C-alpha cells in the first residue's frame, strides 16, 4: 500500500481461487467481504464447493453451499453438470498420456465405468496404481486385469462407507450417539464426496 501511494508500485488485479470454500469459517468470510471492498481486491474471485444446503462452519446457520448469504449475494453462481461418459473417457485418456501410461481400450472402458459409478478422482488415482500392477507383471500396457486387481485392493468412498457401517462395532474407537442418524450422515457425506 505504501509503495503504491509513493508511486513506487502498481497494483495488478488478479484472480483469487478458493477451493472447498465451505471449509471457511465466519471470520474468513467476513475477511473476504472486507477484502472485496479494498483497493487491492482481486479482479475475479472464484469460489468452488460441492456442497448444497449446509452449515456455515463453526455456526448453526444453514446456508446455500455453506457460504453466508451476504457474500453469496455478491457472487455469480455457475451451475455445473456431471461429465458425460465420452468426456470422462477423454479426461482419463489425457491423464494416462500425462502419466505416460499405455492402457488397452478394454481397460479404459472399465475405468470409465468405474469413474461413473464412483468418482473421477478415484478413477484417476487408479491409473498409476494399475500401471504399477502391470509393471509387476512385466507388461507394457495396463490391461483389464490390472484395473480389476486395483479395484479389489483399493476401495472408493462409497465401498469404504458401506464397510464401516457394517463393521463399525468391531473397531476399537467409534461413536454411537445415534446410529441411524450417523449412518444417514455418512451416506450423505459419501455421496457428496463422489460429486
Protein backbone atom coordinates (compact mmCIF):
# COMPACT_ATOMS: atom_id res chain seq x y z
CA UNK A 1 0.00 0.00 0.00
CA UNK A 2 2.76 2.45 0.96
CA UNK A 3 4.72 1.69 -2.21
CA UNK A 4 1.67 2.37 -4.34
CA UNK A 5 0.94 5.65 -2.58
CA UNK A 6 4.54 6.79 -3.09
CA UNK A 7 4.38 5.86 -6.78
CA UNK A 8 6.91 3.03 -6.50
CA UNK A 9 4.47 0.18 -7.05
CA UNK A 10 1.38 -0.60 -9.08
CA UNK A 11 -1.47 -2.96 -8.36
CA UNK A 12 -2.14 -5.69 -10.87
CA UNK A 13 -5.57 -7.17 -10.25
CA UNK A 14 -5.61 -10.93 -10.39
CA UNK A 15 -7.68 -14.00 -9.68
CA UNK A 16 -8.27 -15.43 -6.23
CA UNK A 17 -9.34 -19.08 -6.38
CA UNK A 18 -10.61 -20.76 -3.20
CA UNK A 19 -11.40 -24.46 -3.50
CA UNK A 20 -13.55 -26.15 -0.84
CA UNK A 21 -14.83 -22.70 0.19
CA UNK A 22 -17.41 -24.33 2.50
CA UNK A 23 -14.46 -25.14 4.82
CA UNK A 24 -14.01 -21.46 5.69
CA UNK A 25 -15.47 -20.10 8.91
CA UNK A 26 -17.38 -16.86 9.56
CA UNK A 27 -14.19 -14.93 10.32
CA UNK A 28 -12.72 -15.89 6.94
CA UNK A 29 -15.94 -15.00 5.14
CA UNK A 30 -16.02 -11.61 6.93
CA UNK A 31 -12.44 -11.01 5.79
CA UNK A 32 -13.34 -11.88 2.19
CA UNK A 33 -16.27 -9.46 2.28
CA UNK A 34 -13.97 -6.68 3.53
CA UNK A 35 -11.27 -7.60 1.02
CA UNK A 36 -13.71 -7.22 -1.87
CA UNK A 37 -14.19 -3.57 -0.89
CA UNK A 38 -10.45 -2.87 -0.74
CA UNK A 39 -8.33 -1.22 -3.44
CA UNK A 40 -6.25 -4.38 -3.53
CA UNK A 41 -9.29 -6.58 -4.25
CA UNK A 42 -8.77 -9.28 -6.87
CA UNK A 43 -10.40 -8.66 -10.24
CA UNK A 44 -12.03 -12.08 -10.08
CA UNK A 45 -12.74 -14.28 -7.08
CA UNK A 46 -13.67 -17.90 -7.82
CA UNK A 47 -15.20 -19.94 -5.01
CA UNK A 48 -15.58 -23.68 -5.54
CA UNK A 49 -17.59 -26.14 -3.46
CA UNK A 50 -19.52 -29.36 -3.87
CA UNK A 51 -22.00 -28.64 -1.07
CA UNK A 52 -25.70 -27.88 -1.28
CA UNK A 53 -27.51 -26.56 1.78
CA UNK A 54 -25.05 -26.93 4.63
CA UNK A 55 -23.97 -25.31 7.86
CA UNK A 56 -21.55 -22.43 7.76
CA UNK A 57 -18.51 -23.83 9.51
CA UNK A 58 -18.40 -23.08 13.21
CA UNK A 59 -22.04 -21.96 13.34
CA UNK A 60 -25.50 -23.44 13.44
CA UNK A 61 -26.61 -21.44 10.38
CA UNK A 62 -27.67 -23.30 7.25
CA UNK A 63 -26.86 -21.56 4.00
CA UNK A 64 -26.63 -22.50 0.32
CA UNK A 65 -23.21 -24.04 -0.35
CA UNK A 66 -22.16 -23.28 3.24
CA UNK A 67 -21.46 -19.65 2.24
CA UNK A 68 -23.03 -16.70 4.14
CA UNK A 69 -25.85 -15.05 2.21
CA UNK A 70 -24.22 -11.59 2.22
CA UNK A 71 -21.17 -12.99 0.37
CA UNK A 72 -23.25 -15.29 -1.80
CA UNK A 73 -25.32 -12.30 -2.89
CA UNK A 74 -22.19 -10.78 -4.42
CA UNK A 75 -21.42 -13.92 -6.44
CA UNK A 76 -22.43 -15.10 -9.88
CA UNK A 77 -23.17 -18.80 -9.49
CA UNK A 78 -22.09 -21.03 -12.35
CA UNK A 79 -24.00 -24.29 -12.38
CA UNK A 80 -22.17 -27.41 -13.43
CA UNK A 81 -23.26 -30.83 -14.57
CA UNK A 82 -21.62 -34.23 -14.34
CA UNK A 83 -19.29 -35.25 -17.16
CA UNK A 84 -20.74 -37.43 -19.88
CA UNK A 85 -19.25 -40.87 -20.48
CA UNK A 86 -17.35 -39.58 -23.52
CA UNK A 87 -15.98 -36.61 -21.58
CA UNK A 88 -14.91 -38.88 -18.71
CA UNK A 89 -13.16 -41.25 -21.14
CA UNK A 90 -11.37 -38.31 -22.77
CA UNK A 91 -10.22 -36.96 -19.39
CA UNK A 92 -8.90 -40.39 -18.40
CA UNK A 93 -7.04 -40.72 -21.71
CA UNK A 94 -5.44 -37.29 -21.22
CA UNK A 95 -4.39 -38.29 -17.73
CA UNK A 96 -2.93 -41.57 -18.99
CA UNK A 97 -0.97 -39.59 -21.56
CA UNK A 98 0.30 -37.15 -18.90
CA UNK A 99 1.35 -40.04 -16.66
CA UNK A 100 2.88 -41.90 -19.65
CA UNK A 101 0.65 -44.90 -19.03
CA UNK A 102 -0.29 -47.08 -22.00
CA UNK A 103 -3.71 -48.64 -21.41
CA UNK A 104 -5.75 -51.04 -23.53
CA UNK A 105 -9.16 -49.94 -24.79
CA UNK A 106 -10.88 -52.56 -22.62
CA UNK A 107 -9.10 -51.26 -19.51
CA UNK A 108 -10.02 -47.68 -20.42
CA UNK A 109 -13.67 -48.68 -20.81
CA UNK A 110 -13.73 -50.36 -17.41
CA UNK A 111 -12.01 -47.36 -15.83
CA UNK A 112 -14.61 -45.07 -17.43
CA UNK A 113 -17.43 -47.17 -15.92
CA UNK A 114 -15.71 -47.13 -12.54
CA UNK A 115 -15.44 -43.32 -12.73
CA UNK A 116 -19.18 -43.09 -13.46
CA UNK A 117 -20.06 -45.37 -10.53
CA UNK A 118 -17.59 -43.92 -8.01
CA UNK A 119 -15.80 -40.68 -8.84
CA UNK A 120 -13.47 -39.34 -11.48
CA UNK A 121 -10.87 -38.61 -8.80
CA UNK A 122 -10.86 -42.26 -7.68
CA UNK A 123 -10.51 -43.47 -11.29
CA UNK A 124 -7.62 -41.07 -11.89
CA UNK A 125 -5.84 -42.43 -8.80
CA UNK A 126 -6.27 -45.92 -10.21
CA UNK A 127 -4.24 -45.10 -13.34
CA UNK A 128 -0.82 -45.04 -11.66
CA UNK A 129 -1.69 -47.88 -9.32
CA UNK A 130 -2.82 -50.06 -12.25
CA UNK A 131 0.35 -49.07 -14.09
CA UNK A 132 2.40 -50.35 -11.16
CA UNK A 133 0.39 -53.59 -11.17
CA UNK A 134 1.10 -54.06 -14.88
CA UNK A 135 4.81 -53.32 -14.35
CA UNK A 136 4.90 -56.02 -11.70
CA UNK A 137 3.60 -58.45 -14.33
CA UNK A 138 6.31 -57.09 -16.65
CA UNK A 139 3.62 -55.94 -19.09
CA UNK A 140 3.95 -52.93 -21.36
CA UNK A 141 0.27 -51.97 -21.19
CA UNK A 142 -2.30 -51.67 -18.43
CA UNK A 143 -4.85 -54.38 -19.12
CA UNK A 144 -8.33 -55.17 -17.85
CA UNK A 145 -6.97 -57.46 -15.14
CA UNK A 146 -4.78 -54.67 -13.75
CA UNK A 147 -7.77 -52.37 -13.34
CA UNK A 148 -9.77 -55.21 -11.74
CA UNK A 149 -6.90 -56.01 -9.34
CA UNK A 150 -6.51 -52.39 -8.24
CA UNK A 151 -10.28 -52.04 -7.83
CA UNK A 152 -10.24 -55.03 -5.48
CA UNK A 153 -7.29 -53.71 -3.45
CA UNK A 154 -8.24 -50.03 -3.08
CA UNK A 155 -11.80 -49.11 -2.21
CA UNK A 156 -13.64 -45.92 -3.09
CA UNK A 157 -15.51 -43.75 -0.59
CA UNK A 158 -18.86 -45.50 -1.12
CA UNK A 159 -17.49 -49.02 -0.54
CA UNK A 160 -15.42 -47.82 2.41
CA UNK A 161 -18.51 -46.23 3.98
CA UNK A 162 -20.51 -49.41 3.48
CA UNK A 163 -17.75 -51.40 5.16
CA UNK A 164 -17.59 -49.02 8.11
CA UNK A 165 -21.34 -49.09 8.60
CA UNK A 166 -21.35 -52.88 8.51
CA UNK A 167 -18.38 -53.41 10.84
CA UNK A 168 -18.25 -50.24 12.96
CA UNK A 169 -18.95 -52.10 16.21
CA UNK A 170 -15.76 -54.10 15.72
CA UNK A 171 -13.50 -51.04 15.61
CA UNK A 172 -11.74 -50.04 18.80
CA UNK A 173 -12.89 -46.41 18.62
CA UNK A 174 -16.23 -45.39 17.18
CA UNK A 175 -19.05 -43.12 18.20
CA UNK A 176 -22.53 -44.49 18.64
CA UNK A 177 -24.58 -41.49 19.70
CA UNK A 178 -27.41 -42.07 17.27
CA UNK A 179 -26.54 -44.94 14.98
CA UNK A 180 -29.32 -44.31 12.45
CA UNK A 181 -28.51 -40.58 12.17
CA UNK A 182 -24.79 -41.30 11.83
CA UNK A 183 -25.43 -43.84 9.09
CA UNK A 184 -27.54 -41.33 7.18
CA UNK A 185 -24.87 -38.62 7.58
CA UNK A 186 -22.08 -40.98 6.47
CA UNK A 187 -24.08 -41.97 3.39
CA UNK A 188 -24.79 -38.31 2.61
CA UNK A 189 -21.10 -37.43 3.03
CA UNK A 190 -20.10 -40.32 0.77
CA UNK A 191 -22.50 -39.12 -1.93
CA UNK A 192 -21.19 -35.54 -1.60
CA UNK A 193 -17.58 -36.73 -1.94
CA UNK A 194 -18.44 -38.50 -5.19
CA UNK A 195 -19.63 -35.31 -6.84
